């Protein structure tokens, strides 16, 4: 995308036929949409955070477009539920993403995930002023993560994805993010990233996940040079390379694990890449 080259972009069979997240997560179509149509709107910060949480829990761009941007004042859980059920029952496909697995929300009183997710956001709507006040009092990115993780329905994985979204620099704020923290301040490894770290540390030494991710972030240019890799860094306003952030290192470790399990025959990707933009979903072993 950055170099405007025609496909194929690699001779690696795995990379050519399976869907991987961009090294720069912000360049993925779904994240790009979130930045432009949620974060860089004129809505209040509270409404933006609420929508990021909806967007990431659903995880499917087409579904979010059908729902549309929701304000805390006008959010209608009954309408929200109807849209999701129409997608599932009338159009016959899941309104939720198959790209990652989150909890089934069965503790909210129904056997129907859609009903439970609708109840979850109705509750969040009522409790959001308190959540937002706690977030605004946070002095570190990790504290924001803990507030999100302790919110009903948002565990370790989703809480960190929401945090990463809230730290993208915004043009409407002259390059400042919604919250006063950065992607290089702190990170938490998700399930795939933790497995990727385990593969890298084959000597059995135990390291803190964050220490490993920080080492990879801090030594990226030296390692590219050692391996003879000319990495096509994005360029900043003045032509300087934009380094891979700690948040993107975390994401890359997850994609590394995905690549490793395909290469070793121990698993498959959930999504395959088809030239022309079409995707087919696959179950993971």
Protein backbone atom coordinates (compact mmCIF):
# COMPACT_ATOMS: atom_id res chain seq x y z
CA UNK A 1 0.00 0.00 0.00
CA UNK A 2 2.76 2.44 0.92
CA UNK A 3 4.80 1.78 -2.23
CA UNK A 4 1.80 1.39 -4.62
CA UNK A 5 3.19 -1.81 -6.10
CA UNK A 6 1.08 -4.34 -7.97
CA UNK A 7 0.75 -7.83 -6.48
CA UNK A 8 2.27 -10.24 -5.73
CA UNK A 9 4.13 -8.41 -2.97
CA UNK A 10 6.06 -11.43 -1.73
CA UNK A 11 7.26 -14.84 -2.90
CA UNK A 12 6.48 -16.33 0.51
CA UNK A 13 3.55 -18.72 -0.02
CA UNK A 14 2.24 -18.30 3.52
CA UNK A 15 2.23 -14.52 3.33
CA UNK A 16 0.62 -14.59 -0.12
CA UNK A 17 -2.30 -16.82 0.85
CA UNK A 18 -3.09 -15.95 4.48
CA UNK A 19 -4.37 -12.75 6.01
CA UNK A 20 -1.96 -11.01 8.39
CA UNK A 21 -2.31 -7.74 10.26
CA UNK A 22 -0.10 -4.91 9.02
CA UNK A 23 3.16 -4.35 10.91
CA UNK A 24 1.74 -0.86 11.44
CA UNK A 25 -1.68 -1.72 12.92
CA UNK A 26 -2.90 1.81 12.14
CA UNK A 27 -2.67 1.04 8.40
CA UNK A 28 -5.18 -1.81 8.55
CA UNK A 29 -8.50 -0.81 6.93
CA UNK A 30 -10.47 -1.47 10.13
CA UNK A 31 -8.20 0.67 12.29
CA UNK A 32 -7.99 3.38 9.64
CA UNK A 33 -11.80 3.53 9.62
CA UNK A 34 -11.91 3.74 13.42
CA UNK A 35 -9.45 6.63 13.47
CA UNK A 36 -11.22 8.64 10.77
CA UNK A 37 -14.87 7.88 11.58
CA UNK A 38 -14.79 7.59 15.37
CA UNK A 39 -11.74 9.28 16.86
CA UNK A 40 -11.43 12.18 14.43
CA UNK A 41 -15.08 13.25 14.62
CA UNK A 42 -16.54 16.23 16.44
CA UNK A 43 -18.28 14.06 19.04
CA UNK A 44 -17.39 14.21 22.72
CA UNK A 45 -14.49 12.14 24.07
CA UNK A 46 -16.98 10.09 26.11
CA UNK A 47 -18.95 9.15 22.99
CA UNK A 48 -15.75 8.30 21.12
CA UNK A 49 -14.55 5.91 23.83
CA UNK A 50 -18.02 4.31 24.01
CA UNK A 51 -17.95 3.71 20.24
CA UNK A 52 -14.43 2.31 20.26
CA UNK A 53 -15.62 -0.23 22.84
CA UNK A 54 -18.60 -1.16 20.65
CA UNK A 55 -16.41 -1.36 17.57
CA UNK A 56 -13.77 -3.62 19.09
CA UNK A 57 -16.15 -5.96 20.85
CA UNK A 58 -18.13 -6.53 17.64
CA UNK A 59 -14.93 -6.66 15.60
CA UNK A 60 -16.66 -6.52 12.20
CA UNK A 61 -16.55 -3.29 10.23
CA UNK A 62 -19.69 -3.97 8.18
CA UNK A 63 -21.71 -4.52 11.35
CA UNK A 64 -20.50 -1.28 12.93
CA UNK A 65 -21.38 0.65 9.76
CA UNK A 66 -24.92 -0.71 10.01
CA UNK A 67 -25.17 0.34 13.65
CA UNK A 68 -23.61 3.75 13.06
CA UNK A 69 -21.95 6.08 15.54
CA UNK A 70 -23.76 5.92 18.88
CA UNK A 71 -24.01 8.71 21.41
CA UNK A 72 -24.41 7.87 25.06
CA UNK A 73 -27.53 10.03 25.23
CA UNK A 74 -29.37 8.36 22.34
CA UNK A 75 -28.04 4.77 22.41
CA UNK A 76 -31.00 2.37 22.16
CA UNK A 77 -30.11 -1.19 23.14
CA UNK A 78 -33.34 -2.54 21.58
CA UNK A 79 -32.47 -1.08 18.19
CA UNK A 80 -28.88 -2.25 18.61
CA UNK A 81 -30.13 -5.78 19.31
CA UNK A 82 -32.47 -5.72 16.30
CA UNK A 83 -29.69 -4.74 13.88
CA UNK A 84 -27.49 -7.59 15.12
CA UNK A 85 -30.33 -10.11 14.92
CA UNK A 86 -31.25 -9.01 11.39
CA UNK A 87 -27.68 -9.65 10.28
CA UNK A 88 -27.67 -13.09 11.91
CA UNK A 89 -31.23 -14.29 11.25
CA UNK A 90 -32.17 -12.58 7.98
CA UNK A 91 -28.82 -12.18 6.24
CA UNK A 92 -27.52 -15.47 7.68
CA UNK A 93 -24.05 -14.49 8.83
CA UNK A 94 -22.50 -13.59 12.15
CA UNK A 95 -22.49 -9.92 13.14
CA UNK A 96 -19.33 -10.56 15.17
CA UNK A 97 -15.75 -11.01 14.03
CA UNK A 98 -14.19 -14.41 13.56
CA UNK A 99 -10.69 -12.92 13.65
CA UNK A 100 -10.33 -13.39 17.40
CA UNK A 101 -12.16 -15.10 20.21
CA UNK A 102 -13.69 -13.27 23.15
CA UNK A 103 -15.95 -14.57 25.91
CA UNK A 104 -19.50 -15.68 25.09
CA UNK A 105 -21.15 -13.34 27.62
CA UNK A 106 -23.34 -16.16 28.94
CA UNK A 107 -23.46 -14.67 32.45
CA UNK A 108 -25.78 -11.86 31.39
CA UNK A 109 -28.96 -13.95 31.63
CA UNK A 110 -29.58 -15.26 28.12
CA UNK A 111 -28.36 -18.10 25.94
CA UNK A 112 -28.32 -15.66 23.02
CA UNK A 113 -25.01 -13.82 22.66
CA UNK A 114 -26.67 -10.91 20.85
CA UNK A 115 -29.12 -10.37 23.71
CA UNK A 116 -26.31 -10.49 26.24
CA UNK A 117 -24.07 -8.08 24.30
CA UNK A 118 -27.00 -5.67 23.97
CA UNK A 119 -27.58 -5.83 27.72
CA UNK A 120 -23.86 -5.32 28.29
CA UNK A 121 -23.83 -2.04 26.36
CA UNK A 122 -27.08 -0.88 27.97
CA UNK A 123 -25.38 -1.34 31.35
CA UNK A 124 -22.22 0.36 30.09
CA UNK A 125 -24.29 3.30 28.87
CA UNK A 126 -25.62 3.83 32.39
CA UNK A 127 -22.26 3.36 34.09
CA UNK A 128 -20.17 5.24 31.56
CA UNK A 129 -19.94 8.61 33.38
CA UNK A 130 -18.19 6.85 36.30
CA UNK A 131 -15.90 4.88 33.97
CA UNK A 132 -14.93 8.01 32.06
CA UNK A 133 -14.21 9.89 35.28
CA UNK A 134 -11.91 7.07 36.43
CA UNK A 135 -10.13 7.02 33.06
CA UNK A 136 -9.54 10.78 33.22
CA UNK A 137 -7.92 10.37 36.64
CA UNK A 138 -5.41 7.82 35.31
CA UNK A 139 -1.77 8.89 35.21
CA UNK A 140 -0.38 5.94 33.24
CA UNK A 141 -1.53 3.90 30.24
CA UNK A 142 -1.52 0.75 32.38
CA UNK A 143 -4.06 2.34 34.74
CA UNK A 144 -6.42 3.00 31.81
CA UNK A 145 -6.01 -0.62 30.73
CA UNK A 146 -6.95 -1.84 34.22
CA UNK A 147 -10.09 0.32 34.24
CA UNK A 148 -11.12 -1.11 30.85
CA UNK A 149 -10.22 -4.68 31.85
CA UNK A 150 -12.41 -4.43 34.94
CA UNK A 151 -15.38 -3.28 32.87
CA UNK A 152 -17.98 -6.02 32.43
CA UNK A 153 -17.41 -7.85 29.13
CA UNK A 154 -13.90 -6.52 28.51
CA UNK A 155 -11.12 -8.81 29.52
CA UNK A 156 -7.37 -8.71 29.00
CA UNK A 157 -7.41 -8.89 25.19
CA UNK A 158 -10.18 -6.41 24.36
CA UNK A 159 -9.11 -3.92 27.02
CA UNK A 160 -5.67 -3.61 25.46
CA UNK A 161 -7.08 -3.30 21.93
CA UNK A 162 -9.28 -0.41 23.08
CA UNK A 163 -6.35 1.23 24.87
CA UNK A 164 -4.20 1.07 21.71
CA UNK A 165 -7.01 2.71 19.72
CA UNK A 166 -7.31 5.55 22.20
CA UNK A 167 -3.61 6.40 21.87
CA UNK A 168 -3.45 7.07 18.13
CA UNK A 169 -2.32 10.63 17.31
CA UNK A 170 -5.21 12.63 15.88
CA UNK A 171 -5.06 15.31 13.20
CA UNK A 172 -7.92 17.19 14.83
CA UNK A 173 -5.81 17.49 18.00
CA UNK A 174 -2.62 18.47 16.15
CA UNK A 175 -1.10 15.04 16.54
CA UNK A 176 -2.09 14.50 20.18
CA UNK A 177 -4.04 11.35 21.14
CA UNK A 178 -7.35 11.29 22.97
CA UNK A 179 -5.52 10.31 26.17
CA UNK A 180 -2.13 11.76 27.21
CA UNK A 181 -0.13 8.53 26.83
CA UNK A 182 1.80 6.81 24.03
CA UNK A 183 2.06 3.42 22.34
CA UNK A 184 5.64 3.12 23.61
CA UNK A 185 4.84 3.60 27.28
CA UNK A 186 3.47 0.17 28.16
CA UNK A 187 1.99 -2.96 26.57
CA UNK A 188 0.51 -6.29 27.58
CA UNK A 189 0.97 -9.42 25.50
CA UNK A 190 -2.19 -11.05 24.25
CA UNK A 191 -2.57 -14.86 23.92
CA UNK A 192 -0.95 -15.02 20.47
CA UNK A 193 1.87 -12.68 21.43
CA UNK A 194 2.63 -14.74 24.55
CA UNK A 195 2.91 -17.87 22.40
CA UNK A 196 5.15 -15.96 20.00
CA UNK A 197 7.43 -14.97 22.88
CA UNK A 198 7.58 -18.60 24.06
CA UNK A 199 8.77 -19.65 20.58
CA UNK A 200 11.45 -16.96 20.54
CA UNK A 201 12.80 -17.97 23.96
CA UNK A 202 13.58 -21.55 23.08
CA UNK A 203 16.41 -21.74 25.59
CA UNK A 204 13.88 -21.94 28.39
CA UNK A 205 14.93 -18.72 30.10
CA UNK A 206 12.09 -16.93 31.79
CA UNK A 207 11.64 -13.27 30.96
CA UNK A 208 8.91 -10.79 31.71
CA UNK A 209 6.78 -10.39 28.57
CA UNK A 210 7.07 -6.62 28.68
CA UNK A 211 10.88 -6.85 28.91
CA UNK A 212 10.97 -9.02 25.78
CA UNK A 213 8.72 -6.65 23.86
CA UNK A 214 10.77 -3.64 24.93
CA UNK A 215 14.00 -5.36 23.84
CA UNK A 216 12.52 -6.06 20.40
CA UNK A 217 11.34 -2.45 20.14
CA UNK A 218 14.67 -0.98 21.25
CA UNK A 219 16.82 -3.24 19.05
CA UNK A 220 14.72 -3.39 15.90
CA UNK A 221 17.02 -1.34 13.64
CA UNK A 222 20.15 -3.16 14.82
CA UNK A 223 18.53 -6.55 14.24
CA UNK A 224 17.27 -5.60 10.78
CA UNK A 225 20.81 -4.56 9.92
CA UNK A 226 22.31 -7.76 11.37
CA UNK A 227 19.90 -9.89 9.33
CA UNK A 228 20.39 -7.88 6.15
CA UNK A 229 16.76 -6.76 6.06
CA UNK A 230 15.95 -3.42 4.48
CA UNK A 231 12.75 -2.72 6.34
CA UNK A 232 10.46 -0.19 4.58
CA UNK A 233 9.74 2.09 7.53
CA UNK A 234 6.92 4.57 7.24
CA UNK A 235 8.21 8.11 7.04
CA UNK A 236 7.33 11.00 9.32
CA UNK A 237 6.59 14.57 8.35
CA UNK A 238 10.27 15.37 7.91
CA UNK A 239 11.24 12.07 6.30
CA UNK A 240 12.40 10.35 9.48
CA UNK A 241 11.60 6.62 9.87
CA UNK A 242 8.64 5.85 12.10
CA UNK A 243 9.85 3.03 14.31
CA UNK A 244 7.68 0.05 15.16
CA UNK A 245 6.09 0.96 18.48
CA UNK A 246 5.79 -1.23 21.54
CA UNK A 247 2.08 -1.66 20.77
CA UNK A 248 2.88 -2.81 17.23
CA UNK A 249 5.63 -5.13 18.50
CA UNK A 250 2.96 -6.83 20.60
CA UNK A 251 0.78 -7.19 17.53
CA UNK A 252 3.67 -8.49 15.40
CA UNK A 253 4.41 -11.21 17.95
CA UNK A 254 0.85 -12.46 17.55
CA UNK A 255 1.23 -12.50 13.75
CA UNK A 256 4.60 -14.23 14.11
CA UNK A 257 2.92 -17.00 16.09
CA UNK A 258 0.25 -17.29 13.40
CA UNK A 259 2.95 -17.61 10.71
CA UNK A 260 4.88 -20.16 12.80
CA UNK A 261 1.94 -22.48 13.35
CA UNK A 262 1.04 -22.42 9.63
CA UNK A 263 4.66 -23.12 8.65
CA UNK A 264 5.03 -25.97 11.13
CA UNK A 265 1.61 -27.47 10.37
CA UNK A 266 0.42 -27.03 13.95
CA UNK A 267 -2.46 -24.75 13.02
CA UNK A 268 -4.14 -22.66 10.35
CA UNK A 269 -5.10 -19.02 9.93
CA UNK A 270 -8.68 -18.02 10.58
CA UNK A 271 -8.72 -15.89 7.44
CA UNK A 272 -7.18 -16.48 4.04
CA UNK A 273 -6.14 -13.76 1.63
CA UNK A 274 -7.69 -13.75 -1.85
CA UNK A 275 -6.50 -11.21 -4.40
CA UNK A 276 -9.28 -8.70 -4.90
CA UNK A 277 -10.04 -8.23 -1.23
CA UNK A 278 -12.23 -11.27 -0.55
CA UNK A 279 -11.70 -13.32 2.59
CA UNK A 280 -12.68 -16.85 3.51
CA UNK A 281 -12.96 -17.82 7.17
CA UNK A 282 -11.28 -20.89 8.58
CA UNK A 283 -11.38 -22.45 12.01
CA UNK A 284 -8.16 -22.68 13.98
CA UNK A 285 -6.85 -26.06 15.06
